[in-house]
Amino acid sequence: MQTIVVTLIVFACFAYAAQALMPAALRRALARWLTSWPHWPAPVARRLQRAARRFESGCGCEGCDRPAKAATAVNQPQSIHIQRRRP
């Protein structure tokens, strides 16, 4: 029984890691392929349809789709404060 539980946990961790590291184009193609099966429960089917339509950057940082105004504010010079260590 313990082996079965551990196997399920390892498989779930593998599936999550594979999904997280998978390129976005491959993730969308896989979601499109999985939506073709009509017997998914309604919440799973909705999530797969959303994933098939969603466009994401590959890195997941959401930095590329920021407005240009916000990106220029980040590039402003910033002052550096150095604090001396006390002996």
N, C-alpha and C. Protein backbone atom coordinates (compact mmCIF):
# COMPACT_ATOMS: atom_id res chain seq x y z
N MET A 1 0.82 -1.19 0.00
CA MET A 1 0.00 0.00 0.00
C MET A 1 0.87 1.26 0.00
N GLN A 2 1.93 1.24 0.81
CA GLN A 2 2.82 2.39 0.90
C GLN A 2 3.51 2.63 -0.44
N THR A 3 3.88 1.58 -1.14
CA THR A 3 4.53 1.71 -2.44
C THR A 3 3.59 2.37 -3.45
N ILE A 4 2.33 2.03 -3.40
CA ILE A 4 1.35 2.61 -4.33
C ILE A 4 1.19 4.11 -4.06
N VAL A 5 1.11 4.48 -2.79
CA VAL A 5 0.96 5.89 -2.43
C VAL A 5 2.19 6.69 -2.87
N VAL A 6 3.37 6.15 -2.61
CA VAL A 6 4.61 6.83 -2.99
C VAL A 6 4.69 6.95 -4.51
N THR A 7 4.31 5.91 -5.22
CA THR A 7 4.31 5.94 -6.69
C THR A 7 3.37 7.02 -7.21
N LEU A 8 2.20 7.16 -6.62
CA LEU A 8 1.26 8.20 -7.05
C LEU A 8 1.81 9.60 -6.76
N ILE A 9 2.45 9.77 -5.62
CA ILE A 9 3.03 11.07 -5.28
C ILE A 9 4.16 11.43 -6.24
N VAL A 10 5.03 10.46 -6.53
CA VAL A 10 6.14 10.70 -7.46
C VAL A 10 5.60 11.01 -8.85
N PHE A 11 4.59 10.29 -9.30
CA PHE A 11 4.01 10.55 -10.61
C PHE A 11 3.39 11.95 -10.67
N ALA A 12 2.69 12.35 -9.60
CA ALA A 12 2.09 13.69 -9.58
C ALA A 12 3.17 14.77 -9.60
N CYS A 13 4.25 14.57 -8.87
CA CYS A 13 5.36 15.54 -8.87
C CYS A 13 6.03 15.59 -10.24
N PHE A 14 6.19 14.46 -10.89
CA PHE A 14 6.77 14.42 -12.24
C PHE A 14 5.88 15.16 -13.22
N ALA A 15 4.56 14.93 -13.14
CA ALA A 15 3.63 15.60 -14.06
C ALA A 15 3.66 17.11 -13.85
N TYR A 16 3.71 17.56 -12.60
CA TYR A 16 3.76 18.99 -12.32
C TYR A 16 5.05 19.62 -12.84
N ALA A 17 6.18 18.96 -12.58
CA ALA A 17 7.46 19.48 -13.04
C ALA A 17 7.53 19.50 -14.56
N ALA A 18 7.04 18.47 -15.21
CA ALA A 18 7.05 18.43 -16.68
C ALA A 18 6.18 19.54 -17.24
N GLN A 19 5.02 19.79 -16.64
CA GLN A 19 4.14 20.86 -17.11
C GLN A 19 4.75 22.22 -16.87
N ALA A 20 5.41 22.41 -15.75
CA ALA A 20 6.00 23.71 -15.44
C ALA A 20 7.20 24.02 -16.32
N LEU A 21 7.97 23.01 -16.70
CA LEU A 21 9.17 23.22 -17.50
C LEU A 21 8.92 23.10 -19.00
N MET A 22 7.73 22.67 -19.38
CA MET A 22 7.40 22.48 -20.79
C MET A 22 7.27 23.83 -21.50
N PRO A 23 7.78 23.93 -22.74
CA PRO A 23 7.59 25.18 -23.49
C PRO A 23 6.10 25.50 -23.67
N ALA A 24 5.77 26.78 -23.74
CA ALA A 24 4.37 27.21 -23.79
C ALA A 24 3.67 26.66 -25.03
N ALA A 25 4.35 26.64 -26.18
CA ALA A 25 3.72 26.14 -27.39
C ALA A 25 3.36 24.66 -27.25
N LEU A 26 4.24 23.89 -26.67
CA LEU A 26 3.96 22.47 -26.46
C LEU A 26 2.84 22.28 -25.43
N ARG A 27 2.82 23.13 -24.40
CA ARG A 27 1.77 23.05 -23.39
C ARG A 27 0.40 23.33 -23.99
N ARG A 28 0.33 24.36 -24.87
CA ARG A 28 -0.95 24.67 -25.54
C ARG A 28 -1.37 23.53 -26.47
N ALA A 29 -0.41 22.97 -27.22
CA ALA A 29 -0.73 21.86 -28.13
C ALA A 29 -1.22 20.65 -27.35
N LEU A 30 -0.60 20.36 -26.22
CA LEU A 30 -1.04 19.23 -25.39
C LEU A 30 -2.44 19.49 -24.84
N ALA A 31 -2.71 20.71 -24.40
CA ALA A 31 -4.05 21.04 -23.89
C ALA A 31 -5.09 20.92 -25.00
N ARG A 32 -4.75 21.38 -26.22
CA ARG A 32 -5.67 21.24 -27.35
C ARG A 32 -5.95 19.77 -27.65
N TRP A 33 -4.92 18.95 -27.58
CA TRP A 33 -5.08 17.52 -27.86
C TRP A 33 -5.94 16.86 -26.77
N LEU A 34 -5.73 17.25 -25.51
CA LEU A 34 -6.50 16.66 -24.42
C LEU A 34 -7.96 17.11 -24.43
N THR A 35 -8.27 18.30 -24.96
CA THR A 35 -9.66 18.75 -25.01
C THR A 35 -10.48 17.97 -26.01
N SER A 36 -9.84 17.24 -26.91
CA SER A 36 -10.60 16.47 -27.90
C SER A 36 -11.32 15.27 -27.26
N TRP A 37 -10.91 14.86 -26.08
CA TRP A 37 -11.59 13.75 -25.39
C TRP A 37 -12.83 14.32 -24.70
N PRO A 38 -14.03 13.88 -25.05
CA PRO A 38 -15.26 14.52 -24.54
C PRO A 38 -15.68 14.10 -23.13
N HIS A 39 -15.00 13.20 -22.49
CA HIS A 39 -15.47 12.65 -21.21
C HIS A 39 -14.82 13.29 -19.98
N TRP A 40 -14.18 14.45 -20.13
CA TRP A 40 -13.60 15.12 -18.98
C TRP A 40 -14.70 15.70 -18.09
N PRO A 41 -14.51 15.73 -16.78
CA PRO A 41 -15.47 16.45 -15.93
C PRO A 41 -15.46 17.93 -16.30
N ALA A 42 -16.53 18.64 -16.03
CA ALA A 42 -16.69 20.03 -16.46
C ALA A 42 -15.55 20.94 -15.98
N PRO A 43 -15.13 20.89 -14.70
CA PRO A 43 -14.04 21.79 -14.28
C PRO A 43 -12.72 21.50 -15.02
N VAL A 44 -12.42 20.23 -15.26
CA VAL A 44 -11.19 19.87 -15.96
C VAL A 44 -11.27 20.33 -17.42
N ALA A 45 -12.44 20.15 -18.04
CA ALA A 45 -12.61 20.57 -19.43
C ALA A 45 -12.46 22.08 -19.58
N ARG A 46 -13.03 22.85 -18.64
CA ARG A 46 -12.90 24.31 -18.70
C ARG A 46 -11.44 24.73 -18.55
N ARG A 47 -10.73 24.09 -17.63
CA ARG A 47 -9.32 24.44 -17.42
C ARG A 47 -8.48 24.10 -18.64
N LEU A 48 -8.75 22.96 -19.27
CA LEU A 48 -8.02 22.59 -20.48
C LEU A 48 -8.31 23.55 -21.63
N GLN A 49 -9.57 23.96 -21.76
CA GLN A 49 -9.92 24.91 -22.83
C GLN A 49 -9.24 26.25 -22.59
N ARG A 50 -9.18 26.71 -21.35
CA ARG A 50 -8.49 27.96 -21.03
C ARG A 50 -7.00 27.85 -21.35
N ALA A 51 -6.40 26.72 -21.01
CA ALA A 51 -4.97 26.52 -21.26
C ALA A 51 -4.69 26.43 -22.75
N ALA A 52 -5.62 25.89 -23.53
CA ALA A 52 -5.42 25.78 -24.97
C ALA A 52 -5.49 27.15 -25.64
N ARG A 53 -6.26 28.08 -25.08
CA ARG A 53 -6.40 29.42 -25.67
C ARG A 53 -5.39 30.41 -25.14
N ARG A 54 -4.84 30.19 -23.97
CA ARG A 54 -3.99 31.15 -23.29
C ARG A 54 -2.67 31.32 -24.02
N PHE A 55 -2.21 32.56 -24.08
CA PHE A 55 -0.90 32.83 -24.64
C PHE A 55 -0.01 33.34 -23.52
N GLU A 56 1.07 32.63 -23.27
CA GLU A 56 1.99 33.00 -22.19
C GLU A 56 3.39 33.09 -22.75
N SER A 57 4.20 33.85 -22.08
CA SER A 57 5.63 33.83 -22.43
C SER A 57 6.21 32.52 -21.92
N GLY A 58 7.30 32.10 -22.49
CA GLY A 58 7.88 30.82 -22.13
C GLY A 58 8.49 30.80 -20.74
N CYS A 59 8.92 31.95 -20.23
CA CYS A 59 9.63 31.94 -18.96
C CYS A 59 8.69 32.02 -17.77
N GLY A 60 7.47 32.49 -17.95
CA GLY A 60 6.53 32.58 -16.85
C GLY A 60 6.75 33.77 -15.94
N CYS A 61 7.65 34.68 -16.34
CA CYS A 61 7.94 35.82 -15.47
C CYS A 61 6.99 36.99 -15.74
N GLU A 62 6.26 36.96 -16.83
CA GLU A 62 5.32 38.00 -17.23
C GLU A 62 6.00 39.36 -17.36
N GLY A 63 7.28 39.38 -17.66
CA GLY A 63 8.00 40.63 -17.82
C GLY A 63 7.92 41.17 -19.23
N CYS A 64 7.72 40.32 -20.20
CA CYS A 64 7.72 40.75 -21.60
C CYS A 64 6.44 41.47 -21.98
N ASP A 65 5.35 41.22 -21.28
CA ASP A 65 4.09 41.83 -21.67
C ASP A 65 3.75 43.06 -20.84
N ARG A 66 4.73 43.61 -20.11
CA ARG A 66 4.50 44.85 -19.37
C ARG A 66 4.39 46.01 -20.33
N PRO A 67 3.61 47.03 -20.00
CA PRO A 67 3.55 48.21 -20.86
C PRO A 67 4.92 48.89 -20.92
N ALA A 68 5.17 49.61 -22.01
CA ALA A 68 6.46 50.26 -22.20
C ALA A 68 6.72 51.32 -21.13
N LYS A 69 5.65 52.00 -20.67
CA LYS A 69 5.81 53.03 -19.65
C LYS A 69 6.35 52.43 -18.35
N ALA A 70 5.86 51.28 -17.96
CA ALA A 70 6.33 50.64 -16.73
C ALA A 70 7.76 50.13 -16.90
N ALA A 71 8.10 49.70 -18.11
CA ALA A 71 9.45 49.20 -18.35
C ALA A 71 10.47 50.33 -18.28
N THR A 72 10.11 51.54 -18.73
CA THR A 72 11.06 52.65 -18.67
C THR A 72 11.23 53.14 -17.24
N ALA A 73 10.20 53.02 -16.41
CA ALA A 73 10.32 53.45 -15.02
C ALA A 73 11.33 52.59 -14.28
N VAL A 74 11.46 51.34 -14.68
CA VAL A 74 12.40 50.44 -14.03
C VAL A 74 13.83 50.83 -14.39
N ASN A 75 14.03 51.39 -15.58
CA ASN A 75 15.38 51.71 -16.05
C ASN A 75 15.89 53.05 -15.55
N GLN A 76 15.17 53.72 -14.68
CA GLN A 76 15.62 54.99 -14.12
C GLN A 76 16.78 54.74 -13.17
N PRO A 77 17.73 55.68 -13.11
CA PRO A 77 18.86 55.50 -12.18
C PRO A 77 18.38 55.48 -10.74
N GLN A 78 19.02 54.66 -9.97
CA GLN A 78 18.68 54.55 -8.56
C GLN A 78 19.93 54.82 -7.73
N SER A 79 19.74 55.48 -6.63
CA SER A 79 20.89 55.76 -5.78
C SER A 79 21.24 54.53 -4.96
N ILE A 80 22.53 54.40 -4.66
CA ILE A 80 23.02 53.27 -3.88
C ILE A 80 23.41 53.79 -2.50
N HIS A 81 22.93 53.14 -1.49
CA HIS A 81 23.22 53.51 -0.10
C HIS A 81 24.16 52.46 0.49
N ILE A 82 25.34 52.88 0.88
CA ILE A 82 26.31 51.97 1.46
C ILE A 82 26.40 52.27 2.95
N GLN A 83 26.24 51.26 3.75
CA GLN A 83 26.35 51.41 5.20
C GLN A 83 27.61 50.70 5.67
N ARG A 84 28.38 51.40 6.44
CA ARG A 84 29.62 50.83 6.94
C ARG A 84 29.33 49.87 8.09
N ARG A 85 30.12 48.83 8.14
CA ARG A 85 30.03 47.90 9.27
C ARG A 85 30.72 48.49 10.47
N ARG A 86 30.11 48.32 11.58
CA ARG A 86 30.73 48.80 12.82
C ARG A 86 31.52 47.68 13.44
N PRO A 87 32.74 47.95 13.86
CA PRO A 87 33.57 46.88 14.45
C PRO A 87 33.08 46.44 15.81
